N, C-alpha and C. Protein backbone atom coordinates (compact mmCIF):
# COMPACT_ATOMS: atom_id res chain seq x y z
N MET A 1 14.60 3.66 1.37
CA MET A 1 14.18 2.83 0.29
C MET A 1 12.43 2.80 1.35
N LEU A 2 12.13 2.96 2.46
CA LEU A 2 10.96 3.43 3.10
C LEU A 2 10.64 4.86 3.10
N ALA A 3 11.28 5.44 2.70
CA ALA A 3 10.99 6.86 2.29
C ALA A 3 10.04 7.22 0.43
N ALA A 4 10.86 5.50 0.18
CA ALA A 4 10.21 5.65 -1.95
C ALA A 4 8.88 5.20 -1.36
N ALA A 5 8.97 4.08 -0.31
CA ALA A 5 7.73 2.68 -0.17
C ALA A 5 6.44 4.12 0.20
N GLN A 6 6.81 5.12 1.11
CA GLN A 6 5.93 5.40 1.50
C GLN A 6 5.28 7.29 0.16
N GLU A 7 6.02 7.24 -0.05
CA GLU A 7 6.19 8.52 -1.47
C GLU A 7 5.11 7.62 -2.40
N THR A 8 4.79 6.43 -2.91
CA THR A 8 4.65 5.46 -3.51
C THR A 8 3.00 4.87 -3.05
N THR A 9 2.65 5.96 -2.09
CA THR A 9 1.77 4.71 -1.19
C THR A 9 0.61 6.01 -1.61
N LEU A 10 -1.20 5.38 -1.77
CA LEU A 10 -1.53 6.42 -2.41
C LEU A 10 -2.51 5.97 -0.67
N GLY A 11 -2.53 4.80 -0.28
CA GLY A 11 -3.90 4.60 0.98
C GLY A 11 -3.61 5.76 1.99
N ASP A 12 -5.23 5.38 2.16
CA ASP A 12 -5.26 6.71 3.39
C ASP A 12 -5.32 5.84 4.81
N ALA A 13 -3.81 5.44 5.00
CA ALA A 13 -3.26 4.46 5.83
C ALA A 13 -2.70 6.14 6.64
N LYS A 14 -2.00 6.75 6.34
CA LYS A 14 -1.19 8.54 6.50
C LYS A 14 -2.02 9.46 7.18
N THR A 15 -2.37 9.69 8.52
CA THR A 15 -2.73 10.71 8.62
C THR A 15 -4.39 11.38 8.55
N GLY A 16 -4.90 10.81 7.73
CA GLY A 16 -6.63 10.94 7.29
C GLY A 16 -6.61 11.31 5.58
N GLY A 17 -5.76 11.13 5.45
CA GLY A 17 -6.06 11.23 3.43
C GLY A 17 -5.67 12.77 3.22
N SER A 18 -5.16 13.04 2.22
CA SER A 18 -5.11 14.39 1.44
C SER A 18 -7.05 15.02 1.57
N LEU A 19 -6.52 15.91 1.33
CA LEU A 19 -8.13 17.32 1.39
C LEU A 19 -8.87 16.31 0.46
N ALA A 20 -8.31 16.16 -0.94
CA ALA A 20 -8.83 15.33 -1.90
C ALA A 20 -9.25 14.34 -1.77
N GLN A 21 -9.17 13.53 -0.93
CA GLN A 21 -9.43 11.95 -0.71
C GLN A 21 -10.56 12.22 0.38
N GLN A 22 -10.68 12.75 1.20
CA GLN A 22 -11.29 13.59 2.30
C GLN A 22 -12.99 14.20 1.37
N GLY A 23 -12.74 14.93 0.22
CA GLY A 23 -13.92 15.55 -0.67
C GLY A 23 -14.37 14.10 -1.06
N VAL A 24 -13.76 13.34 -1.81
CA VAL A 24 -13.95 12.10 -2.14
C VAL A 24 -15.08 11.08 -1.72
N ALA A 25 -14.01 10.98 -0.24
CA ALA A 25 -15.16 9.92 0.55
C ALA A 25 -16.75 10.91 1.04
N ALA A 26 -16.45 12.44 0.94
CA ALA A 26 -18.02 12.87 2.06
C ALA A 26 -18.61 12.54 0.36
N LEU A 27 -18.32 13.24 -0.68
CA LEU A 27 -18.84 13.19 -1.66
C LEU A 27 -19.58 11.62 -1.81
N GLY A 28 -18.57 10.58 -1.47
CA GLY A 28 -19.69 9.37 -1.87
C GLY A 28 -20.36 8.84 -0.82
N GLY A 29 -20.15 9.31 0.28
CA GLY A 29 -21.18 9.28 1.19
C GLY A 29 -22.22 9.80 0.93
N LYS A 30 -22.34 11.01 0.65
CA LYS A 30 -24.12 11.40 0.65
C LYS A 30 -24.00 11.07 -1.12
N LEU A 31 -23.52 10.20 -1.70
CA LEU A 31 -24.29 9.65 -2.99
C LEU A 31 -25.14 8.46 -2.48
N ASP A 32 -24.17 7.72 -1.44
CA ASP A 32 -24.83 6.18 -1.06
C ASP A 32 -26.10 6.93 -0.53
N ALA A 33 -26.36 8.19 0.16
CA ALA A 33 -27.55 8.32 1.15
C ALA A 33 -28.75 8.56 0.06
N ALA A 34 -28.45 9.45 -0.76
CA ALA A 34 -29.23 9.87 -1.79
C ALA A 34 -29.68 9.13 -2.48
N ARG A 35 -29.10 7.91 -2.93
CA ARG A 35 -29.71 6.86 -3.50
C ARG A 35 -30.10 5.68 -2.48
N LYS A 36 -30.26 5.44 -1.38
CA LYS A 36 -31.09 5.00 -0.68
C LYS A 36 -32.11 5.40 -0.44
N ARG A 37 -32.42 6.92 -0.47
CA ARG A 37 -33.55 7.43 -0.17
C ARG A 37 -34.46 7.43 -1.38
N LEU A 38 -34.14 7.72 -2.87
CA LEU A 38 -34.42 6.71 -3.94
C LEU A 38 -34.78 5.84 -3.93
N GLU A 39 -34.21 4.76 -3.60
CA GLU A 39 -34.63 3.09 -3.29
C GLU A 39 -35.80 3.08 -2.47
N SER A 40 -35.59 3.51 -1.60
CA SER A 40 -36.75 3.50 -0.37
C SER A 40 -37.92 4.51 -1.24
N ALA A 41 -37.76 5.12 -1.52
CA ALA A 41 -38.94 6.48 -2.55
C ALA A 41 -39.59 5.17 -3.14
N LEU A 42 -38.83 4.63 -4.01
CA LEU A 42 -39.64 3.86 -5.63
C LEU A 42 -39.56 2.78 -4.84
N GLY A 43 -39.66 2.01 -3.65
CA GLY A 43 -39.71 0.71 -3.93
C GLY A 43 -38.75 -0.30 -4.05
N ASN A 44 -38.19 0.42 -4.55
CA ASN A 44 -36.84 -0.75 -5.16
C ASN A 44 -35.94 -1.45 -3.83
N GLN A 45 -36.01 -1.80 -2.99
CA GLN A 45 -35.17 -1.97 -2.23
C GLN A 45 -34.85 -3.56 -2.86
N PRO A 46 -33.63 -4.31 -2.26
CA PRO A 46 -33.90 -5.84 -2.80
C PRO A 46 -33.49 -6.29 -1.98
N GLU A 47 -33.51 -7.38 -2.13
CA GLU A 47 -34.53 -9.27 -1.92
C GLU A 47 -33.95 -9.20 -0.77
N ASP A 48 -32.34 -9.60 -1.14
CA ASP A 48 -31.60 -9.88 0.25
C ASP A 48 -30.27 -8.78 -0.05
N VAL A 49 -30.14 -8.66 0.80
CA VAL A 49 -28.73 -7.20 0.41
C VAL A 49 -27.52 -7.84 0.59
N ALA A 50 -27.17 -7.51 -0.30
CA ALA A 50 -25.82 -8.51 -0.36
C ALA A 50 -24.43 -7.53 0.51
N ALA A 51 -23.22 -8.52 0.71
CA ALA A 51 -22.23 -7.27 1.29
C ALA A 51 -21.73 -6.99 0.69
N PRO A 52 -21.38 -5.82 1.52
CA PRO A 52 -20.51 -4.63 1.18
C PRO A 52 -19.21 -5.59 -0.41
N PRO A 53 -18.94 -4.81 -1.23
CA PRO A 53 -17.79 -5.44 -1.74
C PRO A 53 -16.48 -5.10 -1.29
N PRO A 54 -15.34 -6.07 -0.90
CA PRO A 54 -14.38 -5.63 -0.67
C PRO A 54 -13.53 -4.51 -0.74
N ALA A 55 -12.98 -3.67 -0.69
CA ALA A 55 -11.98 -2.33 -0.38
C ALA A 55 -11.81 -2.39 -1.64
N GLU A 56 -11.47 -2.11 -2.61
CA GLU A 56 -10.59 -1.58 -3.66
C GLU A 56 -9.71 -1.29 -3.06
N LEU A 57 -8.43 -2.31 -4.30
CA LEU A 57 -6.74 -1.53 -4.03
C LEU A 57 -6.58 -0.41 -5.36
N ASN A 58 -5.89 0.48 -4.79
CA ASN A 58 -5.31 1.55 -5.26
C ASN A 58 -4.25 1.13 -6.33
N PRO A 59 -4.54 1.38 -7.66
CA PRO A 59 -3.90 1.06 -8.88
C PRO A 59 -1.81 0.89 -8.20
N VAL A 60 -2.29 2.53 -7.94
CA VAL A 60 -0.62 2.48 -7.55
C VAL A 60 0.33 1.78 -6.14
N ASP A 61 -0.86 1.53 -5.57
CA ASP A 61 -0.44 0.31 -4.42
C ASP A 61 0.04 -0.47 -5.13
N VAL A 62 -0.72 -1.05 -6.01
CA VAL A 62 -0.62 -2.40 -6.13
C VAL A 62 0.63 -2.42 -7.43
N HIS A 63 0.55 -1.69 -7.85
CA HIS A 63 2.14 -1.52 -8.92
C HIS A 63 3.32 -1.08 -8.18
N PHE A 64 3.35 -0.44 -6.87
CA PHE A 64 4.46 -0.49 -6.47
C PHE A 64 4.63 -1.74 -5.42
N GLN A 65 3.87 -2.56 -4.99
CA GLN A 65 3.91 -3.68 -4.05
C GLN A 65 4.88 -4.52 -3.97
N ALA A 66 6.02 -4.64 -4.82
CA ALA A 66 6.92 -4.99 -5.17
C ALA A 66 8.18 -3.87 -3.68
N LEU A 67 8.19 -2.80 -4.47
CA LEU A 67 8.72 -2.11 -3.58
C LEU A 67 8.66 -1.65 -2.10
N HIS A 68 7.24 -1.90 -1.31
CA HIS A 68 6.93 -1.42 -0.57
C HIS A 68 7.36 -3.02 0.45
N ASP A 69 7.47 -4.23 -0.33
CA ASP A 69 7.63 -5.74 0.59
C ASP A 69 9.40 -5.37 0.36
N LEU A 70 9.88 -4.97 -0.52
CA LEU A 70 11.67 -4.61 -0.12
C LEU A 70 11.41 -4.09 0.81
N ALA A 71 11.19 -2.41 0.78
CA ALA A 71 11.32 -1.54 2.13
C ALA A 71 10.72 -2.20 3.06
N GLY A 72 9.93 -3.28 3.49
CA GLY A 72 9.18 -3.93 4.52
C GLY A 72 8.04 -2.88 5.37
N LYS A 73 7.71 -3.12 6.31
CA LYS A 73 6.74 -2.60 6.77
C LYS A 73 6.98 -2.01 7.92
N PRO A 74 6.85 -0.54 8.35
CA PRO A 74 6.80 0.35 9.45
C PRO A 74 6.79 -0.13 10.77
N GLY A 75 7.53 -0.36 11.76
CA GLY A 75 7.54 -1.56 13.05
C GLY A 75 7.47 -2.80 13.04
N ALA A 76 7.62 -3.65 11.69
CA ALA A 76 7.65 -4.81 11.38
C ALA A 76 8.93 -5.36 12.34
N ALA A 77 8.86 -6.34 13.34
CA ALA A 77 9.61 -7.07 13.94
C ALA A 77 10.96 -7.49 13.09
N GLY A 78 12.38 -7.53 13.46
CA GLY A 78 13.22 -8.22 11.91
C GLY A 78 13.84 -7.40 11.13
N PRO A 79 14.44 -7.76 10.79
CA PRO A 79 15.23 -7.34 9.86
C PRO A 79 14.56 -6.89 8.36
N VAL A 80 15.11 -5.69 7.66
CA VAL A 80 14.00 -5.01 6.41
C VAL A 80 14.91 -6.34 5.51
N PRO A 81 13.60 -6.58 4.43
CA PRO A 81 14.28 -7.62 3.65
C PRO A 81 15.61 -6.92 2.66
N LEU A 82 15.37 -5.73 2.40
CA LEU A 82 16.33 -5.11 1.80
C LEU A 82 17.77 -4.54 2.14
N ASP A 83 17.71 -4.72 3.71
CA ASP A 83 19.02 -4.66 4.38
C ASP A 83 19.84 -6.15 4.40
N VAL A 84 18.73 -7.22 4.23
CA VAL A 84 19.31 -8.67 4.19
C VAL A 84 20.49 -8.74 2.55
N GLN A 85 19.66 -8.19 2.18
CA GLN A 85 19.94 -8.65 0.79
C GLN A 85 21.25 -7.86 0.65
N LEU A 86 20.96 -6.46 0.89
CA LEU A 86 22.69 -5.46 0.68
C LEU A 86 23.63 -6.42 1.81
N ALA A 87 23.38 -6.56 2.68
CA ALA A 87 24.33 -7.33 3.49
C ALA A 87 25.10 -8.26 2.86
N ALA A 88 24.24 -9.57 2.25
CA ALA A 88 24.75 -10.18 1.64
C ALA A 88 26.06 -9.81 0.51
N LEU A 89 25.39 -8.87 -0.48
CA LEU A 89 25.98 -8.06 -1.68
C LEU A 89 27.48 -7.29 -1.02
N LYS A 90 27.38 -6.94 0.42
CA LYS A 90 28.78 -6.69 1.31
C LYS A 90 29.42 -7.72 1.44
N ASP A 91 29.42 -8.81 1.83
CA ASP A 91 29.70 -10.24 2.11
C ASP A 91 30.55 -10.14 1.26
N ALA A 92 30.05 -10.19 -0.25
CA ALA A 92 30.34 -10.63 -1.51
C ALA A 92 31.11 -9.62 -2.06
N ALA A 93 31.53 -8.22 -1.76
CA ALA A 93 31.81 -7.76 -2.18
C ALA A 93 33.19 -8.06 -1.71
N ALA A 94 33.25 -8.07 -0.53
CA ALA A 94 34.75 -8.11 0.57
C ALA A 94 35.33 -9.23 0.24
N TYR A 95 34.54 -10.31 -0.20
CA TYR A 95 34.90 -11.86 -0.05
C TYR A 95 36.41 -11.52 -1.85
N LEU A 96 35.67 -11.08 -2.79
CA LEU A 96 35.99 -10.35 -3.53
C LEU A 96 37.44 -9.61 -3.42
N GLU A 97 37.40 -8.85 -2.74
CA GLU A 97 38.55 -7.92 -2.62
C GLU A 97 39.10 -9.01 -1.65
N ALA A 98 38.89 -9.54 -1.20
CA ALA A 98 40.16 -10.57 -0.65
C ALA A 98 40.77 -11.59 -1.50
N ALA A 99 40.07 -11.79 -2.36
CA ALA A 99 40.18 -12.86 -2.89
C ALA A 99 41.25 -12.37 -4.26
N ASP A 100 40.74 -11.20 -4.87
CA ASP A 100 41.93 -10.11 -5.62
C ASP A 100 43.08 -9.68 -4.62
N ALA A 101 43.46 -9.28 -3.44
CA ALA A 101 44.49 -9.07 -2.64
C ALA A 101 44.93 -10.45 -2.26
N ALA A 102 44.81 -11.20 -2.38
CA ALA A 102 45.40 -12.80 -2.05
C ALA A 102 45.90 -13.27 -3.41
N ARG A 103 45.12 -12.96 -4.56
CA ARG A 103 45.87 -13.32 -5.95
C ARG A 103 47.13 -12.37 -6.24
N ARG A 104 47.29 -10.98 -6.10
CA ARG A 104 48.47 -9.96 -6.73
C ARG A 104 49.41 -10.62 -5.40
């Protein structure tokens, strides 16, 4: 389940991101620098500098958030939520098998 969670995460939390992600980040930085130079040359500086917008969430990460929560966080203390649910199902199956055996 952890592998499925890792495969459905597009965030840059893993080893610096892919080459495409690094290229997009570099291009974004160059565009921001060019925009700032153009604003300073034209004198279009905003009166008050707004706080940077919060980091946008990746739509794939948002879509698979329930799977990520079920698989648990790597290195988190305590049992993985999926393992807890599977243990409860295993206990229920053992109970039902014992009840079926006692009935026969």
